[in-house]
Structures are given as structure tokens and as C-alpha cells.
Amino acid sequence: MESPFFRYNEEFLLFGEQHLLMLVLTAGLGVMLPAVAYRYWDERRKLQAARGLALCLSFAVLGWIGIRLALGDFDHATDLPLDICNIVALALPLLMWRPNYRVHEILYFWVLAGTIQAVLTPHLYDGFPHFTFFKYWIVHGGLVVYAVYISAAFRFYPDWKSLWSAFGYLQIYALIVLIFNLALGANYMYLLGKPPTASPLDYLGPWPWYLLVAEALALALFVLVLLPAKVVAVNRRR
């Protein structure tokens, strides 16, 4: 197809203009939307916005898969929605149609400790206006905004028990993805090798040792993203 929306361009640069713009947009929406919801919206409007966000993220994943299939470019080794960001975005309407604290306390850590890494160091080649560019930022930036929004709008503030629950479920999901990787010859979640583009994994040693270091770092990041939730929760009780 001749449209630049479908034409692969490989123009995305780490910390280039497009990247910096999307960082600003993600941060801006992550602050403004929860603030507006908290101050001005009733419960009905908060719920409508949560559902709209969830549907938008899920449709972005489905639409991207549909386009790849239509173009004949779909590859089961790289394009299935098995990475945490994609599977969470795809399943959000089912998981959070009625926002649930027990689900959110897991997604909060997975998104804010994991997806933020994908926002800061994207595994992305094609820049604007390619469809992959739109999908990547709707999903990854959108998940960050969604996690902050749900926490603020519905006052779902995770605690230490939530942290360990999220970490435990992460191990289970990683094991499931590993089985898929071995069956498909794939490398989802980078369990069998590092990504081809620059990433924080480059500094964590060779495979498989970087997985152990990544586990420790993930736990440290879980603690880090818990701190603002604890601060807000304590202030609300005063």
C-alpha cells in the first residue's frame, strides 16, 4: 500500500523529536486526566472514561494485528499479544469493565514498573505516521495513563501485600510465556535473549544471568512505584 500509514519507514529515533513528544504527551495526560476525574467527575463519568480507555487500548492491539494480517506480514514469533503490555491492553475491557481493586493492584505494578521502561526505551523502528507508531504509543503510553487514572479516580491504592501478589503473578505469567516461546521459537518478554534495539537489559549481563538481575530490578521498581501510592493513601487518612 502506498499510504505512509502502511509504509514501513524506520524513522523512529530514541530520544528523537517524536519520542520526546510522546513522552510529554504521556506525562501530560497522566497528570491531567486523573486530576480532572478526581476533582470534577462523578462516579458515572469516571466509569465511562475508564471503559473508554480500556476499549481504546484493546482495539489498538486488535487493529494492529488485523492490519498485519491484511498486509501478509503477521509473524507468530513476534506479533502475538504475549508481551505484558499487549496482553494487558488486550484484556483490559474484560479485566476492568467494572474496576476491581484486586485486579488493579496487580496491573498497577506491571504497568508502572514495566511499561514505563517501554515508554522510556521503546523497542520501535517505525515513526509517525506508521500504524505501528500509533499502536505502540496508544498501548504503552495509554497503559501508564490508565494505571494512574484508575488509582486516582477510584482511590485504588496498592499496599505491600499487593506488591508481593503482583510479583508472584508475574512469575507465573513469565513461565506461561516461556512455554509459548519454546513451542513457537519466539522470544516474548525477552526471556530467551535481549531485544535487538538498545534497552536497559544491555547493562545486565549475558543470558540467562540478566534474567536474574532483571528480577531483582523488577522487585526494586515495584517498591519504587509503591511509594507514591503509600504517600497518597496516608495523606487521605489524615
C-alpha atoms as a PDB file:
ATOM      1  CA  MET A   1       0.000   0.000   0.000  1.00  0.00           C
ATOM      2  CA  GLU A   2       1.250   3.493  -0.897  1.00  0.00           C
ATOM      3  CA  SER A   3      -0.165   5.327   2.107  1.00  0.00           C
ATOM      4  CA  PRO A   4       2.541   6.386   4.607  1.00  0.00           C
ATOM      5  CA  PHE A   5       0.262   4.930   7.293  1.00  0.00           C
ATOM      6  CA  PHE A   6       1.124   1.452   5.971  1.00  0.00           C
ATOM      7  CA  ARG A   7       4.645   2.090   4.635  1.00  0.00           C
ATOM      8  CA  TYR A   8       7.472   0.952   6.905  1.00  0.00           C
ATOM      9  CA  ASN A   9       9.821   3.905   7.386  1.00  0.00           C
ATOM     10  CA  GLU A  10      12.297   3.054  10.202  1.00  0.00           C
ATOM     11  CA  GLU A  11      12.431   6.732  11.152  1.00  0.00           C
ATOM     12  CA  PHE A  12      11.874   6.462  14.900  1.00  0.00           C
ATOM     13  CA  LEU A  13      14.904   7.562  16.948  1.00  0.00           C
ATOM     14  CA  LEU A  14      15.453   7.005  20.652  1.00  0.00           C
ATOM     15  CA  PHE A  15      15.015  10.410  22.330  1.00  0.00           C
ATOM     16  CA  GLY A  16      14.416  11.987  18.963  1.00  0.00           C
ATOM     17  CA  GLU A  17      11.691  14.588  18.411  1.00  0.00           C
ATOM     18  CA  GLN A  18       8.902  12.029  18.047  1.00  0.00           C
ATOM     19  CA  HIS A  19       9.981  10.162  21.165  1.00  0.00           C
ATOM     20  CA  LEU A  20      10.254  13.312  23.265  1.00  0.00           C
ATOM     21  CA  LEU A  21       6.850  14.497  22.077  1.00  0.00           C
ATOM     22  CA  MET A  22       5.223  11.216  23.074  1.00  0.00           C
ATOM     23  CA  LEU A  23       6.934  11.343  26.475  1.00  0.00           C
ATOM     24  CA  VAL A  24       5.496  14.811  27.050  1.00  0.00           C
ATOM     25  CA  LEU A  25       2.013  13.743  25.904  1.00  0.00           C
ATOM     26  CA  THR A  26       2.066  10.659  28.113  1.00  0.00           C
ATOM     27  CA  ALA A  27       3.211  12.618  31.151  1.00  0.00           C
ATOM     28  CA  GLY A  28       0.711  15.400  30.484  1.00  0.00           C
ATOM     29  CA  LEU A  29      -2.265  13.060  30.130  1.00  0.00           C
ATOM     30  CA  GLY A  30      -1.058  11.051  33.119  1.00  0.00           C
ATOM     31  CA  VAL A  31      -1.355  14.165  35.265  1.00  0.00           C
ATOM     32  CA  MET A  32      -4.324  15.993  33.754  1.00  0.00           C
ATOM     33  CA  LEU A  33      -6.836  13.161  33.261  1.00  0.00           C
ATOM     34  CA  PRO A  34      -6.664  11.808  36.847  1.00  0.00           C
ATOM     35  CA  ALA A  35      -6.749  15.377  38.213  1.00  0.00           C
ATOM     36  CA  VAL A  36      -9.866  16.260  36.211  1.00  0.00           C
ATOM     37  CA  ALA A  37     -11.581  12.997  37.166  1.00  0.00           C
ATOM     38  CA  TYR A  38     -10.764  13.395  40.848  1.00  0.00           C
ATOM     39  CA  ARG A  39     -11.922  16.995  41.070  1.00  0.00           C
ATOM     40  CA  TYR A  40     -14.867  17.267  38.690  1.00  0.00           C
ATOM     41  CA  TRP A  41     -16.339  13.927  37.619  1.00  0.00           C
ATOM     42  CA  ASP A  42     -18.975  11.858  39.345  1.00  0.00           C
ATOM     43  CA  GLU A  43     -18.701   8.078  39.614  1.00  0.00           C
ATOM     44  CA  ARG A  44     -20.679   7.503  36.418  1.00  0.00           C
ATOM     45  CA  ARG A  45     -18.383   9.681  34.312  1.00  0.00           C
ATOM     46  CA  LYS A  46     -15.286   8.165  35.910  1.00  0.00           C
ATOM     47  CA  LEU A  47     -16.539   4.704  34.960  1.00  0.00           C
ATOM     48  CA  GLN A  48     -17.339   5.791  31.399  1.00  0.00           C
ATOM     49  CA  ALA A  49     -13.838   7.192  30.964  1.00  0.00           C
ATOM     50  CA  ALA A  50     -12.256   4.029  32.383  1.00  0.00           C
ATOM     51  CA  ARG A  51     -14.220   1.861  29.967  1.00  0.00           C
ATOM     52  CA  GLY A  52     -13.448   4.146  27.038  1.00  0.00           C
ATOM     53  CA  LEU A  53      -9.727   3.975  27.787  1.00  0.00           C
ATOM     54  CA  ALA A  54      -9.825   0.201  28.156  1.00  0.00           C
ATOM     55  CA  LEU A  55     -11.636  -0.226  24.824  1.00  0.00           C
ATOM     56  CA  CYS A  56      -9.227   2.151  23.067  1.00  0.00           C
ATOM     57  CA  LEU A  57      -6.198   0.191  24.262  1.00  0.00           C
ATOM     58  CA  SER A  58      -7.721  -3.162  23.393  1.00  0.00           C
ATOM     59  CA  PHE A  59      -8.812  -2.043  19.924  1.00  0.00           C
ATOM     60  CA  ALA A  60      -5.319  -0.673  19.258  1.00  0.00           C
ATOM     61  CA  VAL A  61      -3.888  -4.170  19.744  1.00  0.00           C
ATOM     62  CA  LEU A  62      -6.630  -5.864  17.732  1.00  0.00           C
ATOM     63  CA  GLY A  63      -6.414  -3.286  14.948  1.00  0.00           C
ATOM     64  CA  TRP A  64      -2.650  -3.666  14.669  1.00  0.00           C
ATOM     65  CA  ILE A  65      -2.959  -7.452  14.435  1.00  0.00           C
ATOM     66  CA  GLY A  66      -5.685  -7.076  11.820  1.00  0.00           C
ATOM     67  CA  ILE A  67      -3.548  -4.751   9.692  1.00  0.00           C
ATOM     68  CA  ARG A  68      -0.520  -7.064   9.914  1.00  0.00           C
ATOM     69  CA  LEU A  69      -2.697  -9.989   8.839  1.00  0.00           C
ATOM     70  CA  ALA A  70      -4.188  -7.999   5.943  1.00  0.00           C
ATOM     71  CA  LEU A  71      -0.722  -6.990   4.758  1.00  0.00           C
ATOM     72  CA  GLY A  72       0.509 -10.570   4.990  1.00  0.00           C
ATOM     73  CA  ASP A  73       3.206  -9.504   7.452  1.00  0.00           C
ATOM     74  CA  PHE A  74       1.957 -11.224  10.598  1.00  0.00           C
ATOM     75  CA  ASP A  75       4.615 -13.367  12.289  1.00  0.00           C
ATOM     76  CA  HIS A  76       3.545 -15.646  15.135  1.00  0.00           C
ATOM     77  CA  ALA A  77       7.067 -15.441  16.592  1.00  0.00           C
ATOM     78  CA  THR A  78       6.851 -11.679  17.170  1.00  0.00           C
ATOM     79  CA  ASP A  79       3.289 -10.434  16.676  1.00  0.00           C
ATOM     80  CA  LEU A  80       1.137 -12.411  19.119  1.00  0.00           C
ATOM     81  CA  PRO A  81      -0.034 -10.254  22.066  1.00  0.00           C
ATOM     82  CA  LEU A  82       2.031 -12.147  24.644  1.00  0.00           C
ATOM     83  CA  ASP A  83       4.250  -9.363  25.958  1.00  0.00           C
ATOM     84  CA  ILE A  84       2.822  -7.973  29.184  1.00  0.00           C
ATOM     85  CA  CYS A  85       1.920  -4.585  27.712  1.00  0.00           C
ATOM     86  CA  ASN A  86      -0.019  -6.094  24.806  1.00  0.00           C
ATOM     87  CA  ILE A  87      -1.811  -8.811  26.763  1.00  0.00           C
ATOM     88  CA  VAL A  88      -2.850  -6.363  29.477  1.00  0.00           C
ATOM     89  CA  ALA A  89      -4.092  -3.814  26.925  1.00  0.00           C
ATOM     90  CA  LEU A  90      -5.989  -6.503  25.018  1.00  0.00           C
ATOM     91  CA  ALA A  91      -7.643  -7.920  28.136  1.00  0.00           C
ATOM     92  CA  LEU A  92      -8.476  -4.630  29.881  1.00  0.00           C
ATOM     93  CA  PRO A  93     -12.160  -4.492  28.882  1.00  0.00           C
ATOM     94  CA  LEU A  94     -12.643  -7.993  30.317  1.00  0.00           C
ATOM     95  CA  LEU A  95     -10.496  -7.469  33.399  1.00  0.00           C
ATOM     96  CA  MET A  96     -11.645  -3.966  34.327  1.00  0.00           C
ATOM     97  CA  TRP A  97     -15.072  -3.347  32.813  1.00  0.00           C
ATOM     98  CA  ARG A  98     -16.105  -2.854  36.411  1.00  0.00           C
ATOM     99  CA  PRO A  99     -12.895  -1.533  38.005  1.00  0.00           C
ATOM    100  CA  ASN A 100     -11.732  -4.032  40.575  1.00  0.00           C
ATOM    101  CA  TYR A 101      -9.112  -3.402  43.241  1.00  0.00           C
ATOM    102  CA  ARG A 102      -7.834  -6.995  43.207  1.00  0.00           C
ATOM    103  CA  VAL A 103      -7.091  -6.773  39.513  1.00  0.00           C
ATOM    104  CA  HIS A 104      -5.775  -3.228  39.659  1.00  0.00           C
ATOM    105  CA  GLU A 105      -3.315  -3.975  42.447  1.00  0.00           C
ATOM    106  CA  ILE A 106      -1.545  -6.367  40.052  1.00  0.00           C
ATOM    107  CA  LEU A 107      -1.810  -4.253  36.909  1.00  0.00           C
ATOM    108  CA  TYR A 108      -0.578  -1.182  38.782  1.00  0.00           C
ATOM    109  CA  PHE A 109       2.831  -2.739  39.361  1.00  0.00           C
ATOM    110  CA  TRP A 110       3.052  -4.480  35.999  1.00  0.00           C
ATOM    111  CA  VAL A 111       2.297  -1.243  34.164  1.00  0.00           C
ATOM    112  CA  LEU A 112       4.135   1.391  36.197  1.00  0.00           C
ATOM    113  CA  ALA A 113       7.233  -0.732  36.798  1.00  0.00           C
ATOM    114  CA  GLY A 114       7.295  -2.401  33.381  1.00  0.00           C
ATOM    115  CA  THR A 115       5.504  -0.347  30.768  1.00  0.00           C
ATOM    116  CA  ILE A 116       7.314   2.824  31.792  1.00  0.00           C
ATOM    117  CA  GLN A 117      10.518   1.095  30.670  1.00  0.00           C
ATOM    118  CA  ALA A 118       8.929   0.594  27.252  1.00  0.00           C
ATOM    119  CA  VAL A 119       7.995   4.276  27.181  1.00  0.00           C
ATOM    120  CA  LEU A 120      11.493   5.449  28.097  1.00  0.00           C
ATOM    121  CA  THR A 121      13.399   2.973  25.881  1.00  0.00           C
ATOM    122  CA  PRO A 122      10.975   1.927  23.113  1.00  0.00           C
ATOM    123  CA  HIS A 123      11.566  -1.196  21.029  1.00  0.00           C
ATOM    124  CA  LEU A 124      10.262   0.627  17.975  1.00  0.00           C
ATOM    125  CA  TYR A 125      11.583   1.195  14.467  1.00  0.00           C
ATOM    126  CA  ASP A 126       8.805   2.921  12.536  1.00  0.00           C
ATOM    127  CA  GLY A 127       7.933   6.503  13.315  1.00  0.00           C
ATOM    128  CA  PHE A 128       4.948   8.730  12.589  1.00  0.00           C
ATOM    129  CA  PRO A 129       2.651   8.224  10.694  1.00  0.00           C
ATOM    130  CA  HIS A 130       3.086   4.427  10.511  1.00  0.00           C
ATOM    131  CA  PHE A 131       0.350   2.319  12.103  1.00  0.00           C
ATOM    132  CA  THR A 132       2.860   0.610  14.410  1.00  0.00           C
ATOM    133  CA  PHE A 133       3.861   4.002  15.810  1.00  0.00           C
ATOM    134  CA  PHE A 134       0.245   4.752  16.726  1.00  0.00           C
ATOM    135  CA  LYS A 135      -0.324   1.310  18.207  1.00  0.00           C
ATOM    136  CA  TYR A 136       2.866   1.421  20.252  1.00  0.00           C
ATOM    137  CA  TRP A 137       2.104   4.729  21.914  1.00  0.00           C
ATOM    138  CA  ILE A 138      -1.613   4.178  22.371  1.00  0.00           C
ATOM    139  CA  VAL A 139      -0.833   0.922  24.169  1.00  0.00           C
ATOM    140  CA  HIS A 140       2.255   1.871  26.168  1.00  0.00           C
ATOM    141  CA  GLY A 141       1.525   5.499  26.901  1.00  0.00           C
ATOM    142  CA  GLY A 142      -2.144   4.655  27.367  1.00  0.00           C
ATOM    143  CA  LEU A 143      -1.412   1.959  29.931  1.00  0.00           C
ATOM    144  CA  VAL A 144       0.613   4.371  32.056  1.00  0.00           C
ATOM    145  CA  VAL A 145      -2.188   6.943  31.919  1.00  0.00           C
ATOM    146  CA  TYR A 146      -4.767   4.238  32.659  1.00  0.00           C
ATOM    147  CA  ALA A 147      -2.937   2.906  35.739  1.00  0.00           C
ATOM    148  CA  VAL A 148      -2.574   6.381  37.245  1.00  0.00           C
ATOM    149  CA  TYR A 149      -6.148   7.291  36.327  1.00  0.00           C
ATOM    150  CA  ILE A 150      -7.701   4.220  37.959  1.00  0.00           C
ATOM    151  CA  SER A 151      -5.656   4.754  41.119  1.00  0.00           C
ATOM    152  CA  ALA A 152      -6.725   8.381  41.460  1.00  0.00           C
ATOM    153  CA  ALA A 153     -10.300   8.207  40.168  1.00  0.00           C
ATOM    154  CA  PHE A 154     -11.349   5.110  42.153  1.00  0.00           C
ATOM    155  CA  ARG A 155      -8.906   5.529  45.060  1.00  0.00           C
ATOM    156  CA  PHE A 156      -7.344   2.125  44.443  1.00  0.00           C
ATOM    157  CA  TYR A 157      -4.050   2.399  46.291  1.00  0.00           C
ATOM    158  CA  PRO A 158      -1.985  -0.813  46.434  1.00  0.00           C
ATOM    159  CA  ASP A 159      -0.070  -1.876  49.536  1.00  0.00           C
ATOM    160  CA  TRP A 160       2.812  -4.220  50.400  1.00  0.00           C
ATOM    161  CA  LYS A 161       0.596  -7.261  50.072  1.00  0.00           C
ATOM    162  CA  SER A 162      -0.332  -6.066  46.589  1.00  0.00           C
ATOM    163  CA  LEU A 163       3.341  -5.815  45.690  1.00  0.00           C
ATOM    164  CA  TRP A 164       4.067  -9.451  46.517  1.00  0.00           C
ATOM    165  CA  SER A 165       0.894 -10.591  44.826  1.00  0.00           C
ATOM    166  CA  ALA A 166       1.853  -8.749  41.626  1.00  0.00           C
ATOM    167  CA  PHE A 167       5.381 -10.145  41.773  1.00  0.00           C
ATOM    168  CA  GLY A 168       4.105 -13.692  42.254  1.00  0.00           C
ATOM    169  CA  TYR A 169       1.679 -13.465  39.345  1.00  0.00           C
ATOM    170  CA  LEU A 170       4.493 -12.066  37.210  1.00  0.00           C
ATOM    171  CA  GLN A 171       6.495 -15.260  37.779  1.00  0.00           C
ATOM    172  CA  ILE A 172       3.519 -17.389  36.775  1.00  0.00           C
ATOM    173  CA  TYR A 173       2.898 -15.375  33.630  1.00  0.00           C
ATOM    174  CA  ALA A 174       6.588 -15.457  32.689  1.00  0.00           C
ATOM    175  CA  LEU A 175       6.523 -19.257  32.965  1.00  0.00           C
ATOM    176  CA  ILE A 176       3.488 -19.418  30.667  1.00  0.00           C
ATOM    177  CA  VAL A 177       5.200 -17.145  28.132  1.00  0.00           C
ATOM    178  CA  LEU A 178       8.376 -19.250  28.329  1.00  0.00           C
ATOM    179  CA  ILE A 179       6.360 -22.314  27.307  1.00  0.00           C
ATOM    180  CA  PHE A 180       4.960 -20.374  24.320  1.00  0.00           C
ATOM    181  CA  ASN A 181       8.461 -19.200  23.413  1.00  0.00           C
ATOM    182  CA  LEU A 182       9.831 -22.727  23.379  1.00  0.00           C
ATOM    183  CA  ALA A 183       6.873 -24.008  21.356  1.00  0.00           C
ATOM    184  CA  LEU A 184       6.942 -21.187  18.800  1.00  0.00           C
ATOM    185  CA  GLY A 185      10.653 -20.445  18.601  1.00  0.00           C
ATOM    186  CA  ALA A 186       9.862 -16.956  19.859  1.00  0.00           C
ATOM    187  CA  ASN A 187      11.303 -14.546  22.426  1.00  0.00           C
ATOM    188  CA  TYR A 188       8.356 -12.798  24.043  1.00  0.00           C
ATOM    189  CA  MET A 189       9.252 -10.833  27.201  1.00  0.00           C
ATOM    190  CA  TYR A 190      12.892 -11.316  26.083  1.00  0.00           C
ATOM    191  CA  LEU A 191      13.128 -14.477  28.153  1.00  0.00           C
ATOM    192  CA  LEU A 192      15.469 -16.176  25.672  1.00  0.00           C
ATOM    193  CA  GLY A 193      17.525 -13.204  24.509  1.00  0.00           C
ATOM    194  CA  LYS A 194      17.840  -9.419  24.587  1.00  0.00           C
ATOM    195  CA  PRO A 195      15.858  -7.121  22.255  1.00  0.00           C
ATOM    196  CA  PRO A 196      17.579  -6.087  19.004  1.00  0.00           C
ATOM    197  CA  THR A 197      17.362  -2.390  19.903  1.00  0.00           C
ATOM    198  CA  ALA A 198      19.041  -0.619  22.814  1.00  0.00           C
ATOM    199  CA  SER A 199      17.430  -1.401  26.166  1.00  0.00           C
ATOM    200  CA  PRO A 200      18.283  -1.476  29.881  1.00  0.00           C
ATOM    201  CA  LEU A 201      18.909  -5.232  29.502  1.00  0.00           C
ATOM    202  CA  ASP A 202      22.134  -4.398  27.684  1.00  0.00           C
ATOM    203  CA  TYR A 203      23.667  -3.451  31.038  1.00  0.00           C
ATOM    204  CA  LEU A 204      22.568  -6.516  32.981  1.00  0.00           C
ATOM    205  CA  GLY A 205      24.984  -9.124  31.671  1.00  0.00           C
ATOM    206  CA  PRO A 206      24.606 -12.060  29.267  1.00  0.00           C
ATOM    207  CA  TRP A 207      21.711 -14.519  29.054  1.00  0.00           C
ATOM    208  CA  PRO A 208      20.485 -16.107  31.296  1.00  0.00           C
ATOM    209  CA  TRP A 209      22.054 -14.039  34.096  1.00  0.00           C
ATOM    210  CA  TYR A 210      20.351 -10.837  33.026  1.00  0.00           C
ATOM    211  CA  LEU A 211      17.034 -12.510  33.836  1.00  0.00           C
ATOM    212  CA  LEU A 212      18.029 -12.883  37.491  1.00  0.00           C
ATOM    213  CA  VAL A 213      19.257  -9.291  37.641  1.00  0.00           C
ATOM    214  CA  ALA A 214      16.047  -8.176  35.934  1.00  0.00           C
ATOM    215  CA  GLU A 215      14.023  -9.982  38.601  1.00  0.00           C
ATOM    216  CA  ALA A 216      15.828  -8.080  41.342  1.00  0.00           C
ATOM    217  CA  LEU A 217      15.417  -4.798  39.482  1.00  0.00           C
ATOM    218  CA  ALA A 218      11.732  -5.520  38.887  1.00  0.00           C
ATOM    219  CA  LEU A 219      11.231  -6.019  42.614  1.00  0.00           C
ATOM    220  CA  ALA A 220      13.096  -2.778  43.330  1.00  0.00           C
ATOM    221  CA  LEU A 221      10.932  -0.943  40.787  1.00  0.00           C
ATOM    222  CA  PHE A 222       7.812  -2.429  42.359  1.00  0.00           C
ATOM    223  CA  VAL A 223       8.910  -0.908  45.675  1.00  0.00           C
ATOM    224  CA  LEU A 224       9.640   2.406  43.972  1.00  0.00           C
ATOM    225  CA  VAL A 225       6.220   2.711  42.310  1.00  0.00           C
ATOM    226  CA  LEU A 226       4.506   1.659  45.540  1.00  0.00           C
ATOM    227  CA  LEU A 227       5.879   4.678  47.400  1.00  0.00           C
ATOM    228  CA  PRO A 228       3.666   7.358  45.783  1.00  0.00           C
ATOM    229  CA  ALA A 229       0.584   5.185  46.324  1.00  0.00           C
ATOM    230  CA  LYS A 230       1.500   4.802  50.001  1.00  0.00           C
ATOM    231  CA  VAL A 231       2.057   8.552  50.366  1.00  0.00           C
ATOM    232  CA  VAL A 232      -1.321   9.362  48.801  1.00  0.00           C
ATOM    233  CA  ALA A 233      -3.097   6.725  50.892  1.00  0.00           C
ATOM    234  CA  VAL A 234      -1.563   8.057  54.130  1.00  0.00           C
ATOM    235  CA  ASN A 235      -2.462  11.648  53.275  1.00  0.00           C
ATOM    236  CA  ARG A 236      -6.053  10.667  52.566  1.00  0.00           C
ATOM    237  CA  ARG A 237      -6.381   9.094  56.003  1.00  0.00           C
ATOM    238  CA  ARG A 238      -5.335  12.316  57.763  1.00  0.00           C
END
